[in-house]
Amino acid sequence: MLDNIPTADDVLLARKRLDGIAIVTPLLRSDELDRRTQGKIFVKFESLQHTGAFKFRGAFNALSQLERDKFPGGVVAYSTGNHGQAIAAVGKMLGIETKIVMPFDAPAVKIAKARKQGAEVILYDRHKETRESIAAIIAERSPVAIIPPGDHPQIIAGQGTVAVEALSQIGNSNIDVVMVPCGGGGLSAGTCLGVEASKSKAEVWAAEPSDFDDTMRSLLSGNRETNRALTGSICDALLAPTPAELPFIINKSRLSSVVTATDEEVLAAMRFAYEEFRIVVEPGGAVALAALLSDPSGAKDRTVIVVASGGNVDNGVFMRALSSPITS
């Protein structure tokens, strides 16, 4: 695994591959957000990226480099939704066959969108099976490459382009903190590399659901810790059972902080994003904004980029968000 650790240069190469293909997503400000935090806050809306999430970046970076002669059957990916959608969409773009292993209780909108892109979706019960073992069985039976959501150097490098892009939009020397949602850790690891690639001194903060804080506990112990449950949060995109191995190697030495937010705080942040910016953000995509709003002390008198990483949310959950209370 140590031989596969991506570098800042890999992120810059990924940015060149994505040039003209990925959407340059907006970086927006809100007077109300600045007032609440007493800082200068920019929100990077990757919910407006292709397939509704930052995952498109890593998927394209990885699949565009696929050795097709070696893997004529295409690829198999496992995902709670956004990575799978991205792999399916990029596969369709590049003419690569895709199979996506997804839990049967993933949001219906994510399952439907993966299928709409032409992927074969294999559903499983996360309480009885593991997605890794299912993907491995598929790879044993057919000539496909396994593209995991975190443990893949090209995926991590692609995700790192979010930070490079954001820092270039406003001038990297002026940013104190970049906050990103964290599940398996691929986005936070890529962000650490992206900050380095941009020659920025910004700190990188990861944000997790409060009951699924495996990255926080892993950094404290020095080992990859496991969450006590596999489900139980609306932040479906972030419910990896443990930090992915390759991202954790990067995160454990480079992350400056890990913060958390409850489901109620996430719902309030989703409502805030909609009312302030008129942009839909899914629960996992809103967790960094939620953590900032619930405890803004770290942003006082600082300039902060907050990544809203995705917008693929079922209607019922979004309606809950719109009816949630917002503190002033």
C-alpha atoms as a PDB file:
ATOM      1  CA  MET A   1       0.000   0.000   0.000  1.00  0.00           C
ATOM      2  CA  LEU A   2       2.851   2.385   0.753  1.00  0.00           C
ATOM      3  CA  ASP A   3       3.935   2.151  -2.886  1.00  0.00           C
ATOM      4  CA  ASN A   4       0.551   3.481  -3.995  1.00  0.00           C
ATOM      5  CA  ILE A   5       0.327   6.655  -1.927  1.00  0.00           C
ATOM      6  CA  PRO A   6      -0.635   9.533  -4.240  1.00  0.00           C
ATOM      7  CA  THR A   7       1.257  12.809  -4.125  1.00  0.00           C
ATOM      8  CA  ALA A   8       0.533  16.475  -4.657  1.00  0.00           C
ATOM      9  CA  ASP A   9       1.863  16.087  -8.196  1.00  0.00           C
ATOM     10  CA  ASP A  10      -0.753  13.387  -8.842  1.00  0.00           C
ATOM     11  CA  VAL A  11      -3.455  15.882  -7.884  1.00  0.00           C
ATOM     12  CA  LEU A  12      -2.092  18.420 -10.368  1.00  0.00           C
ATOM     13  CA  LEU A  13      -2.066  15.760 -13.101  1.00  0.00           C
ATOM     14  CA  ALA A  14      -5.651  14.865 -12.216  1.00  0.00           C
ATOM     15  CA  ARG A  15      -6.635  18.502 -12.552  1.00  0.00           C
ATOM     16  CA  LYS A  16      -5.256  18.555 -16.097  1.00  0.00           C
ATOM     17  CA  ARG A  17      -7.245  15.419 -16.979  1.00  0.00           C
ATOM     18  CA  LEU A  18     -10.415  16.973 -15.600  1.00  0.00           C
ATOM     19  CA  ASP A  19      -9.904  20.334 -17.289  1.00  0.00           C
ATOM     20  CA  GLY A  20     -12.915  21.013 -19.489  1.00  0.00           C
ATOM     21  CA  ILE A  21     -14.666  17.875 -18.244  1.00  0.00           C
ATOM     22  CA  ALA A  22     -15.477  18.480 -14.574  1.00  0.00           C
ATOM     23  CA  ILE A  23     -17.708  21.419 -13.732  1.00  0.00           C
ATOM     24  CA  VAL A  24     -15.919  24.315 -12.073  1.00  0.00           C
ATOM     25  CA  THR A  25     -18.327  24.494  -9.158  1.00  0.00           C
ATOM     26  CA  PRO A  26     -19.212  27.816  -7.514  1.00  0.00           C
ATOM     27  CA  LEU A  27     -17.622  29.160  -4.370  1.00  0.00           C
ATOM     28  CA  LEU A  28     -20.254  31.281  -2.635  1.00  0.00           C
ATOM     29  CA  ARG A  29     -20.479  33.574   0.368  1.00  0.00           C
ATOM     30  CA  SER A  30     -23.296  34.611   2.656  1.00  0.00           C
ATOM     31  CA  ASP A  31     -23.413  37.645   4.927  1.00  0.00           C
ATOM     32  CA  GLU A  32     -25.511  35.610   7.354  1.00  0.00           C
ATOM     33  CA  LEU A  33     -22.942  32.819   7.459  1.00  0.00           C
ATOM     34  CA  ASP A  34     -20.168  35.317   8.128  1.00  0.00           C
ATOM     35  CA  ARG A  35     -22.272  36.912  10.867  1.00  0.00           C
ATOM     36  CA  ARG A  36     -22.911  33.611  12.614  1.00  0.00           C
ATOM     37  CA  THR A  37     -19.297  32.486  12.510  1.00  0.00           C
ATOM     38  CA  GLN A  38     -17.590  35.892  12.826  1.00  0.00           C
ATOM     39  CA  GLY A  39     -15.336  34.714  10.021  1.00  0.00           C
ATOM     40  CA  LYS A  40     -15.099  34.932   6.247  1.00  0.00           C
ATOM     41  CA  ILE A  41     -16.680  31.756   4.894  1.00  0.00           C
ATOM     42  CA  PHE A  42     -16.753  30.404   1.352  1.00  0.00           C
ATOM     43  CA  VAL A  43     -18.919  27.380   0.530  1.00  0.00           C
ATOM     44  CA  LYS A  44     -17.743  25.167  -2.345  1.00  0.00           C
ATOM     45  CA  PHE A  45     -20.873  23.570  -3.806  1.00  0.00           C
ATOM     46  CA  GLU A  46     -19.758  20.235  -5.255  1.00  0.00           C
ATOM     47  CA  SER A  47     -23.431  19.301  -5.118  1.00  0.00           C
ATOM     48  CA  LEU A  48     -23.526  21.063  -8.512  1.00  0.00           C
ATOM     49  CA  GLN A  49     -20.855  18.774  -9.976  1.00  0.00           C
ATOM     50  CA  HIS A  50     -21.681  16.135 -12.602  1.00  0.00           C
ATOM     51  CA  THR A  51     -23.717  13.340 -10.923  1.00  0.00           C
ATOM     52  CA  GLY A  52     -24.414  15.699  -8.016  1.00  0.00           C
ATOM     53  CA  ALA A  53     -21.227  15.084  -6.034  1.00  0.00           C
ATOM     54  CA  PHE A  54     -17.452  15.517  -5.947  1.00  0.00           C
ATOM     55  CA  LYS A  55     -17.074  11.788  -6.630  1.00  0.00           C
ATOM     56  CA  PHE A  56     -17.165  12.467 -10.373  1.00  0.00           C
ATOM     57  CA  ARG A  57     -13.642  13.871 -10.141  1.00  0.00           C
ATOM     58  CA  GLY A  58     -12.046  10.743  -8.750  1.00  0.00           C
ATOM     59  CA  ALA A  59     -14.104   8.465 -10.961  1.00  0.00           C
ATOM     60  CA  PHE A  60     -13.013  10.191 -14.153  1.00  0.00           C
ATOM     61  CA  ASN A  61      -9.390  10.367 -13.065  1.00  0.00           C
ATOM     62  CA  ALA A  62      -9.365   6.626 -12.369  1.00  0.00           C
ATOM     63  CA  LEU A  63     -11.400   5.334 -15.301  1.00  0.00           C
ATOM     64  CA  SER A  64      -9.643   7.521 -17.860  1.00  0.00           C
ATOM     65  CA  GLN A  65      -6.441   5.652 -16.960  1.00  0.00           C
ATOM     66  CA  LEU A  66      -7.961   2.156 -16.924  1.00  0.00           C
ATOM     67  CA  GLU A  67      -5.900  -0.514 -18.682  1.00  0.00           C
ATOM     68  CA  ARG A  68      -8.692  -1.723 -20.927  1.00  0.00           C
ATOM     69  CA  ASP A  69      -6.703  -4.590 -22.446  1.00  0.00           C
ATOM     70  CA  LYS A  70      -6.126  -5.934 -18.949  1.00  0.00           C
ATOM     71  CA  PHE A  71      -9.737  -5.381 -17.840  1.00  0.00           C
ATOM     72  CA  PRO A  72     -11.986  -5.976 -20.876  1.00  0.00           C
ATOM     73  CA  GLY A  73     -14.951  -6.557 -18.552  1.00  0.00           C
ATOM     74  CA  GLY A  74     -14.731  -2.995 -17.259  1.00  0.00           C
ATOM     75  CA  VAL A  75     -14.928  -2.168 -13.573  1.00  0.00           C
ATOM     76  CA  VAL A  76     -16.754  -3.062 -10.394  1.00  0.00           C
ATOM     77  CA  ALA A  77     -17.197  -0.447  -7.678  1.00  0.00           C
ATOM     78  CA  TYR A  78     -18.840  -0.518  -4.268  1.00  0.00           C
ATOM     79  CA  SER A  79     -20.625   2.453  -2.862  1.00  0.00           C
ATOM     80  CA  THR A  80     -23.469   3.747  -0.732  1.00  0.00           C
ATOM     81  CA  GLY A  81     -24.376   5.829  -3.739  1.00  0.00           C
ATOM     82  CA  ASN A  82     -22.345   8.808  -4.925  1.00  0.00           C
ATOM     83  CA  HIS A  83     -19.199   6.907  -5.909  1.00  0.00           C
ATOM     84  CA  GLY A  84     -21.335   4.338  -7.678  1.00  0.00           C
ATOM     85  CA  GLN A  85     -23.250   6.997  -9.600  1.00  0.00           C
ATOM     86  CA  ALA A  86     -20.013   8.656 -10.628  1.00  0.00           C
ATOM     87  CA  ILE A  87     -18.407   5.408 -11.791  1.00  0.00           C
ATOM     88  CA  ALA A  88     -21.553   4.552 -13.755  1.00  0.00           C
ATOM     89  CA  ALA A  89     -21.695   7.985 -15.410  1.00  0.00           C
ATOM     90  CA  VAL A  90     -18.007   8.039 -16.325  1.00  0.00           C
ATOM     91  CA  GLY A  91     -18.234   4.459 -17.574  1.00  0.00           C
ATOM     92  CA  LYS A  92     -21.036   5.527 -19.893  1.00  0.00           C
ATOM     93  CA  MET A  93     -18.977   8.508 -21.093  1.00  0.00           C
ATOM     94  CA  LEU A  94     -15.907   6.391 -21.831  1.00  0.00           C
ATOM     95  CA  GLY A  95     -17.634   3.235 -23.034  1.00  0.00           C
ATOM     96  CA  ILE A  96     -16.588   1.151 -20.027  1.00  0.00           C
ATOM     97  CA  GLU A  97     -18.913  -1.502 -18.576  1.00  0.00           C
ATOM     98  CA  THR A  98     -19.702  -0.895 -14.913  1.00  0.00           C
ATOM     99  CA  LYS A  99     -21.043  -2.969 -12.049  1.00  0.00           C
ATOM    100  CA  ILE A 100     -21.943  -1.235  -8.789  1.00  0.00           C
ATOM    101  CA  VAL A 101     -22.346  -3.003  -5.436  1.00  0.00           C
ATOM    102  CA  MET A 102     -24.743  -0.982  -3.266  1.00  0.00           C
ATOM    103  CA  PRO A 103     -26.602  -1.657   0.001  1.00  0.00           C
ATOM    104  CA  PHE A 104     -30.299  -2.280  -0.535  1.00  0.00           C
ATOM    105  CA  ASP A 105     -31.103   0.501   1.956  1.00  0.00           C
ATOM    106  CA  ALA A 106     -29.133   3.140   0.055  1.00  0.00           C
ATOM    107  CA  PRO A 107     -31.254   6.164  -0.951  1.00  0.00           C
ATOM    108  CA  ALA A 108     -33.534   5.169  -3.794  1.00  0.00           C
ATOM    109  CA  VAL A 109     -32.485   8.203  -5.806  1.00  0.00           C
ATOM    110  CA  LYS A 110     -28.867   7.007  -5.816  1.00  0.00           C
ATOM    111  CA  ILE A 111     -29.733   3.461  -6.873  1.00  0.00           C
ATOM    112  CA  ALA A 112     -31.993   4.756  -9.623  1.00  0.00           C
ATOM    113  CA  LYS A 113     -29.397   7.168 -10.969  1.00  0.00           C
ATOM    114  CA  ALA A 114     -26.701   4.482 -11.140  1.00  0.00           C
ATOM    115  CA  ARG A 115     -29.047   2.247 -13.115  1.00  0.00           C
ATOM    116  CA  LYS A 116     -30.059   5.137 -15.353  1.00  0.00           C
ATOM    117  CA  GLN A 117     -26.402   5.502 -16.350  1.00  0.00           C
ATOM    118  CA  GLY A 118     -26.398   1.910 -17.576  1.00  0.00           C
ATOM    119  CA  ALA A 119     -24.652   0.265 -14.638  1.00  0.00           C
ATOM    120  CA  GLU A 120     -25.533  -3.173 -13.372  1.00  0.00           C
ATOM    121  CA  VAL A 121     -26.449  -2.628  -9.721  1.00  0.00           C
ATOM    122  CA  ILE A 122     -25.895  -5.499  -7.281  1.00  0.00           C
ATOM    123  CA  LEU A 123     -27.765  -4.905  -4.029  1.00  0.00           C
ATOM    124  CA  TYR A 124     -26.667  -6.455  -0.727  1.00  0.00           C
ATOM    125  CA  ASP A 125     -27.544  -6.510   2.973  1.00  0.00           C
ATOM    126  CA  ARG A 126     -24.789  -4.641   4.801  1.00  0.00           C
ATOM    127  CA  HIS A 127     -25.688  -6.446   8.032  1.00  0.00           C
ATOM    128  CA  LYS A 128     -24.982  -9.869   6.482  1.00  0.00           C
ATOM    129  CA  GLU A 129     -22.395  -9.273   3.761  1.00  0.00           C
ATOM    130  CA  THR A 130     -19.519  -6.944   2.972  1.00  0.00           C
ATOM    131  CA  ARG A 131     -19.300  -4.978  -0.215  1.00  0.00           C
ATOM    132  CA  GLU A 132     -15.594  -5.713  -0.493  1.00  0.00           C
ATOM    133  CA  SER A 133     -16.156  -9.472  -0.527  1.00  0.00           C
ATOM    134  CA  ILE A 134     -18.909  -9.201  -3.133  1.00  0.00           C
ATOM    135  CA  ALA A 135     -16.701  -7.081  -5.393  1.00  0.00           C
ATOM    136  CA  ALA A 136     -13.838  -9.546  -4.948  1.00  0.00           C
ATOM    137  CA  ILE A 137     -16.053 -12.465  -6.006  1.00  0.00           C
ATOM    138  CA  ILE A 138     -17.153 -10.544  -9.104  1.00  0.00           C
ATOM    139  CA  ALA A 139     -13.532  -9.782  -9.970  1.00  0.00           C
ATOM    140  CA  GLU A 140     -12.594 -13.460  -9.591  1.00  0.00           C
ATOM    141  CA  ARG A 141     -15.282 -14.458 -12.075  1.00  0.00           C
ATOM    142  CA  SER A 142     -14.756 -11.771 -14.715  1.00  0.00           C
ATOM    143  CA  PRO A 143     -11.881  -9.555 -15.979  1.00  0.00           C
ATOM    144  CA  VAL A 144     -12.859  -6.372 -14.152  1.00  0.00           C
ATOM    145  CA  ALA A 145     -10.898  -3.827 -12.154  1.00  0.00           C
ATOM    146  CA  ILE A 146     -12.081  -3.063  -8.623  1.00  0.00           C
ATOM    147  CA  ILE A 147     -12.435   0.691  -8.066  1.00  0.00           C
ATOM    148  CA  PRO A 148     -13.074   1.351  -4.352  1.00  0.00           C
ATOM    149  CA  PRO A 149     -14.311   4.729  -3.132  1.00  0.00           C
ATOM    150  CA  GLY A 150     -11.239   5.450  -1.022  1.00  0.00           C
ATOM    151  CA  ASP A 151      -8.414   2.930  -1.296  1.00  0.00           C
ATOM    152  CA  HIS A 152      -7.313   3.950  -4.774  1.00  0.00           C
ATOM    153  CA  PRO A 153      -4.557   6.472  -5.538  1.00  0.00           C
ATOM    154  CA  GLN A 154      -6.212   7.854  -8.657  1.00  0.00           C
ATOM    155  CA  ILE A 155      -9.516   8.301  -6.841  1.00  0.00           C
ATOM    156  CA  ILE A 156      -7.821  10.234  -4.037  1.00  0.00           C
ATOM    157  CA  ALA A 157      -5.880  12.391  -6.498  1.00  0.00           C
ATOM    158  CA  GLY A 158      -9.059  13.222  -8.377  1.00  0.00           C
ATOM    159  CA  GLN A 159     -10.859  14.235  -5.187  1.00  0.00           C
ATOM    160  CA  GLY A 160      -7.950  16.514  -4.347  1.00  0.00           C
ATOM    161  CA  THR A 161      -8.833  18.719  -7.301  1.00  0.00           C
ATOM    162  CA  VAL A 162     -11.744  20.150  -5.293  1.00  0.00           C
ATOM    163  CA  ALA A 163      -9.284  21.942  -3.011  1.00  0.00           C
ATOM    164  CA  VAL A 164      -6.946  23.013  -5.814  1.00  0.00           C
ATOM    165  CA  GLU A 165      -9.861  24.496  -7.715  1.00  0.00           C
ATOM    166  CA  ALA A 166     -11.314  26.254  -4.680  1.00  0.00           C
ATOM    167  CA  LEU A 167      -7.987  27.724  -3.630  1.00  0.00           C
ATOM    168  CA  SER A 168      -7.321  28.977  -7.148  1.00  0.00           C
ATOM    169  CA  GLN A 169     -10.726  30.668  -7.209  1.00  0.00           C
ATOM    170  CA  ILE A 170      -9.940  32.975  -4.279  1.00  0.00           C
ATOM    171  CA  GLY A 171      -6.172  32.949  -3.785  1.00  0.00           C
ATOM    172  CA  ASN A 172      -4.677  30.192  -1.670  1.00  0.00           C
ATOM    173  CA  SER A 173      -2.493  32.443   0.479  1.00  0.00           C
ATOM    174  CA  ASN A 174      -5.585  33.928   2.133  1.00  0.00           C
ATOM    175  CA  ILE A 175      -7.218  30.720   3.381  1.00  0.00           C
ATOM    176  CA  ASP A 176      -6.827  29.526   6.968  1.00  0.00           C
ATOM    177  CA  VAL A 177      -8.952  26.346   6.941  1.00  0.00           C
ATOM    178  CA  VAL A 178     -10.513  23.958   4.416  1.00  0.00           C
ATOM    179  CA  MET A 179     -13.346  21.876   5.919  1.00  0.00           C
ATOM    180  CA  VAL A 180     -14.567  18.721   4.157  1.00  0.00           C
ATOM    181  CA  PRO A 181     -17.026  15.910   4.890  1.00  0.00           C
ATOM    182  CA  CYS A 182     -15.388  12.614   5.808  1.00  0.00           C
ATOM    183  CA  GLY A 183     -16.570   9.011   5.437  1.00  0.00           C
ATOM    184  CA  GLY A 184     -13.810   6.682   4.297  1.00  0.00           C
ATOM    185  CA  GLY A 185     -11.425   9.639   4.147  1.00  0.00           C
ATOM    186  CA  GLY A 186     -10.729   9.927   0.424  1.00  0.00           C
ATOM    187  CA  LEU A 187     -11.866  13.533   0.110  1.00  0.00           C
ATOM    188  CA  SER A 188      -9.990  14.675   3.201  1.00  0.00           C
ATOM    189  CA  ALA A 189      -6.824  12.878   2.070  1.00  0.00           C
ATOM    190  CA  GLY A 190      -7.138  14.377  -1.392  1.00  0.00           C
ATOM    191  CA  THR A 191      -7.731  17.789   0.159  1.00  0.00           C
ATOM    192  CA  CYS A 192      -4.526  17.497   2.178  1.00  0.00           C
ATOM    193  CA  LEU A 193      -2.648  16.786  -1.053  1.00  0.00           C
ATOM    194  CA  GLY A 194      -4.524  19.528  -2.901  1.00  0.00           C
ATOM    195  CA  VAL A 195      -3.568  22.088  -0.265  1.00  0.00           C
ATOM    196  CA  GLU A 196       0.060  21.002  -0.618  1.00  0.00           C
ATOM    197  CA  ALA A 197      -0.162  21.133  -4.412  1.00  0.00           C
ATOM    198  CA  SER A 198      -1.475  24.697  -4.151  1.00  0.00           C
ATOM    199  CA  LYS A 199       1.370  25.670  -1.827  1.00  0.00           C
ATOM    200  CA  SER A 200      -1.216  26.804   0.687  1.00  0.00           C
ATOM    201  CA  LYS A 201      -0.730  26.890   4.451  1.00  0.00           C
ATOM    202  CA  ALA A 202      -4.401  26.179   5.122  1.00  0.00           C
ATOM    203  CA  GLU A 203      -5.327  23.649   7.772  1.00  0.00           C
ATOM    204  CA  VAL A 204      -7.542  20.744   6.674  1.00  0.00           C
ATOM    205  CA  TRP A 205     -10.452  19.781   8.922  1.00  0.00           C
ATOM    206  CA  ALA A 206     -12.538  16.666   8.391  1.00  0.00           C
ATOM    207  CA  ALA A 207     -16.180  16.535   9.500  1.00  0.00           C
ATOM    208  CA  GLU A 208     -18.044  13.347  10.451  1.00  0.00           C
ATOM    209  CA  PRO A 209     -21.493  12.369  11.750  1.00  0.00           C
ATOM    210  CA  SER A 210     -21.258  12.407  15.545  1.00  0.00           C
ATOM    211  CA  ASP A 211     -22.097   8.717  15.989  1.00  0.00           C
ATOM    212  CA  PHE A 212     -19.788   7.638  13.140  1.00  0.00           C
ATOM    213  CA  ASP A 213     -16.592   9.374  14.204  1.00  0.00           C
ATOM    214  CA  ASP A 214     -14.163   6.597  13.237  1.00  0.00           C
ATOM    215  CA  THR A 215     -11.628   9.009  11.748  1.00  0.00           C
ATOM    216  CA  MET A 216     -11.561  11.123  14.895  1.00  0.00           C
ATOM    217  CA  ARG A 217     -11.059   8.068  17.096  1.00  0.00           C
ATOM    218  CA  SER A 218      -8.513   6.589  14.698  1.00  0.00           C
ATOM    219  CA  LEU A 219      -6.378   9.720  14.805  1.00  0.00           C
ATOM    220  CA  LEU A 220      -6.474   9.641  18.592  1.00  0.00           C
ATOM    221  CA  SER A 221      -5.485   5.964  18.832  1.00  0.00           C
ATOM    222  CA  GLY A 222      -3.139   5.844  15.842  1.00  0.00           C
ATOM    223  CA  ASN A 223      -5.018   2.821  14.472  1.00  0.00           C
ATOM    224  CA  ARG A 224      -8.004   2.451  12.160  1.00  0.00           C
ATOM    225  CA  GLU A 225     -11.005   2.239  14.468  1.00  0.00           C
ATOM    226  CA  THR A 226     -14.393   0.774  13.563  1.00  0.00           C
ATOM    227  CA  ASN A 227     -17.815   2.339  14.021  1.00  0.00           C
ATOM    228  CA  ARG A 228     -20.114   0.629  16.485  1.00  0.00           C
ATOM    229  CA  ALA A 229     -22.967   0.470  13.949  1.00  0.00           C
ATOM    230  CA  LEU A 230     -23.302   0.202  10.183  1.00  0.00           C
ATOM    231  CA  THR A 231     -26.441   2.331   9.917  1.00  0.00           C
ATOM    232  CA  GLY A 232     -28.261   4.877  12.026  1.00  0.00           C
ATOM    233  CA  SER A 233     -27.502   8.290  10.533  1.00  0.00           C
ATOM    234  CA  ILE A 234     -29.122  10.225   7.707  1.00  0.00           C
ATOM    235  CA  CYS A 235     -25.584  10.900   6.411  1.00  0.00           C
ATOM    236  CA  ASP A 236     -25.668   7.756   4.254  1.00  0.00           C
ATOM    237  CA  ALA A 237     -22.731   8.881   2.107  1.00  0.00           C
ATOM    238  CA  LEU A 238     -20.411   8.888   5.132  1.00  0.00           C
ATOM    239  CA  LEU A 239     -21.177   5.552   6.802  1.00  0.00           C
ATOM    240  CA  ALA A 240     -17.999   3.676   5.964  1.00  0.00           C
ATOM    241  CA  PRO A 241     -17.356   1.135   8.735  1.00  0.00           C
ATOM    242  CA  THR A 242     -13.739   2.247   9.198  1.00  0.00           C
ATOM    243  CA  PRO A 243     -11.314   4.705   7.569  1.00  0.00           C
ATOM    244  CA  ALA A 244     -10.002   3.408   4.254  1.00  0.00           C
ATOM    245  CA  GLU A 245      -6.396   2.289   4.598  1.00  0.00           C
ATOM    246  CA  LEU A 246      -4.741   4.477   1.977  1.00  0.00           C
ATOM    247  CA  PRO A 247      -6.515   7.723   2.921  1.00  0.00           C
ATOM    248  CA  PHE A 248      -5.765   7.094   6.591  1.00  0.00           C
ATOM    249  CA  ILE A 249      -2.048   6.909   5.877  1.00  0.00           C
ATOM    250  CA  ILE A 250      -2.320  10.450   4.518  1.00  0.00           C
ATOM    251  CA  ASN A 251      -4.858  11.807   6.989  1.00  0.00           C
ATOM    252  CA  LYS A 252      -3.152  10.661  10.173  1.00  0.00           C
ATOM    253  CA  SER A 253      -0.158  12.895   9.555  1.00  0.00           C
ATOM    254  CA  ARG A 254      -1.821  15.813   7.742  1.00  0.00           C
ATOM    255  CA  LEU A 255      -5.292  16.464   9.106  1.00  0.00           C
ATOM    256  CA  SER A 256      -5.310  19.350  11.565  1.00  0.00           C
ATOM    257  CA  SER A 257      -8.671  18.597  13.170  1.00  0.00           C
ATOM    258  CA  VAL A 258     -11.764  16.398  13.042  1.00  0.00           C
ATOM    259  CA  VAL A 259     -15.156  17.823  13.997  1.00  0.00           C
ATOM    260  CA  THR A 260     -18.615  16.254  14.158  1.00  0.00           C
ATOM    261  CA  ALA A 261     -22.272  17.114  13.753  1.00  0.00           C
ATOM    262  CA  THR A 262     -25.507  15.424  14.807  1.00  0.00           C
ATOM    263  CA  ASP A 263     -28.268  14.510  12.380  1.00  0.00           C
ATOM    264  CA  GLU A 264     -30.372  17.379  13.714  1.00  0.00           C
ATOM    265  CA  GLU A 265     -27.528  19.825  13.074  1.00  0.00           C
ATOM    266  CA  VAL A 266     -27.098  18.385   9.573  1.00  0.00           C
ATOM    267  CA  LEU A 267     -30.787  18.896   8.777  1.00  0.00           C
ATOM    268  CA  ALA A 268     -30.525  22.491   9.976  1.00  0.00           C
ATOM    269  CA  ALA A 269     -27.466  23.038   7.778  1.00  0.00           C
ATOM    270  CA  MET A 270     -29.297  21.625   4.749  1.00  0.00           C
ATOM    271  CA  ARG A 271     -32.109  24.090   5.368  1.00  0.00           C
ATOM    272  CA  PHE A 272     -29.618  26.910   5.845  1.00  0.00           C
ATOM    273  CA  ALA A 273     -27.904  26.098   2.530  1.00  0.00           C
ATOM    274  CA  TYR A 274     -31.234  26.095   0.727  1.00  0.00           C
ATOM    275  CA  GLU A 275     -32.534  29.291   2.292  1.00  0.00           C
ATOM    276  CA  GLU A 276     -29.279  31.227   1.919  1.00  0.00           C
ATOM    277  CA  PHE A 277     -28.084  29.913  -1.455  1.00  0.00           C
ATOM    278  CA  ARG A 278     -31.133  28.140  -2.936  1.00  0.00           C
ATOM    279  CA  ILE A 279     -28.975  25.026  -3.410  1.00  0.00           C
ATOM    280  CA  VAL A 280     -29.910  21.489  -2.356  1.00  0.00           C
ATOM    281  CA  VAL A 281     -27.284  19.642  -0.305  1.00  0.00           C
ATOM    282  CA  GLU A 282     -27.616  16.045   0.888  1.00  0.00           C
ATOM    283  CA  PRO A 283     -26.983  15.104   4.544  1.00  0.00           C
ATOM    284  CA  GLY A 284     -23.453  13.756   4.073  1.00  0.00           C
ATOM    285  CA  GLY A 285     -22.630  16.737   1.911  1.00  0.00           C
ATOM    286  CA  ALA A 286     -23.791  19.172   4.592  1.00  0.00           C
ATOM    287  CA  VAL A 287     -21.922  17.756   7.580  1.00  0.00           C
ATOM    288  CA  ALA A 288     -18.979  20.177   7.389  1.00  0.00           C
ATOM    289  CA  LEU A 289     -21.323  23.158   7.182  1.00  0.00           C
ATOM    290  CA  ALA A 290     -23.324  21.676  10.058  1.00  0.00           C
ATOM    291  CA  ALA A 291     -20.230  21.297  12.219  1.00  0.00           C
ATOM    292  CA  LEU A 292     -19.247  24.886  11.502  1.00  0.00           C
ATOM    293  CA  LEU A 293     -22.687  26.274  12.299  1.00  0.00           C
ATOM    294  CA  SER A 294     -23.005  24.254  15.506  1.00  0.00           C
ATOM    295  CA  ASP A 295     -19.580  25.331  16.771  1.00  0.00           C
ATOM    296  CA  PRO A 296     -18.297  28.381  14.881  1.00  0.00           C
ATOM    297  CA  SER A 297     -15.561  29.197  17.388  1.00  0.00           C
ATOM    298  CA  GLY A 298     -12.774  27.870  15.161  1.00  0.00           C
ATOM    299  CA  ALA A 299     -13.760  30.205  12.332  1.00  0.00           C
ATOM    300  CA  LYS A 300     -13.693  33.481  14.256  1.00  0.00           C
ATOM    301  CA  ASP A 301     -11.542  36.051  12.436  1.00  0.00           C
ATOM    302  CA  ARG A 302     -10.434  33.382   9.957  1.00  0.00           C
ATOM    303  CA  THR A 303     -11.074  32.680   6.278  1.00  0.00           C
ATOM    304  CA  VAL A 304     -12.573  29.232   5.740  1.00  0.00           C
ATOM    305  CA  ILE A 305     -13.580  27.107   2.742  1.00  0.00           C
ATOM    306  CA  VAL A 306     -16.383  24.664   3.516  1.00  0.00           C
ATOM    307  CA  VAL A 307     -17.016  21.920   0.963  1.00  0.00           C
ATOM    308  CA  ALA A 308     -20.645  20.916   0.429  1.00  0.00           C
ATOM    309  CA  SER A 309     -19.770  17.629  -1.213  1.00  0.00           C
ATOM    310  CA  GLY A 310     -23.043  16.312  -2.649  1.00  0.00           C
ATOM    311  CA  GLY A 311     -26.699  16.962  -3.348  1.00  0.00           C
ATOM    312  CA  ASN A 312     -28.279  13.562  -3.969  1.00  0.00           C
ATOM    313  CA  VAL A 313     -31.034  13.382  -1.387  1.00  0.00           C
ATOM    314  CA  ASP A 314     -34.385  11.629  -1.322  1.00  0.00           C
ATOM    315  CA  ASN A 315     -37.388  13.970  -1.250  1.00  0.00           C
ATOM    316  CA  GLY A 316     -38.533  12.795   2.174  1.00  0.00           C
ATOM    317  CA  VAL A 317     -35.238  13.616   3.854  1.00  0.00           C
ATOM    318  CA  PHE A 318     -35.067  16.994   2.163  1.00  0.00           C
ATOM    319  CA  MET A 319     -38.578  17.814   3.338  1.00  0.00           C
ATOM    320  CA  ARG A 320     -37.458  16.964   6.879  1.00  0.00           C
ATOM    321  CA  ALA A 321     -34.610  19.422   6.447  1.00  0.00           C
ATOM    322  CA  LEU A 322     -36.911  22.208   5.286  1.00  0.00           C
ATOM    323  CA  SER A 323     -39.053  21.782   8.381  1.00  0.00           C
ATOM    324  CA  SER A 324     -36.120  21.605  10.797  1.00  0.00           C
ATOM    325  CA  PRO A 325     -35.451  24.489  13.189  1.00  0.00           C
ATOM    326  CA  ILE A 326     -32.650  26.948  12.442  1.00  0.00           C
ATOM    327  CA  THR A 327     -30.925  28.693  15.304  1.00  0.00           C
ATOM    328  CA  SER A 328     -30.063  32.333  14.811  1.00  0.00           C
END
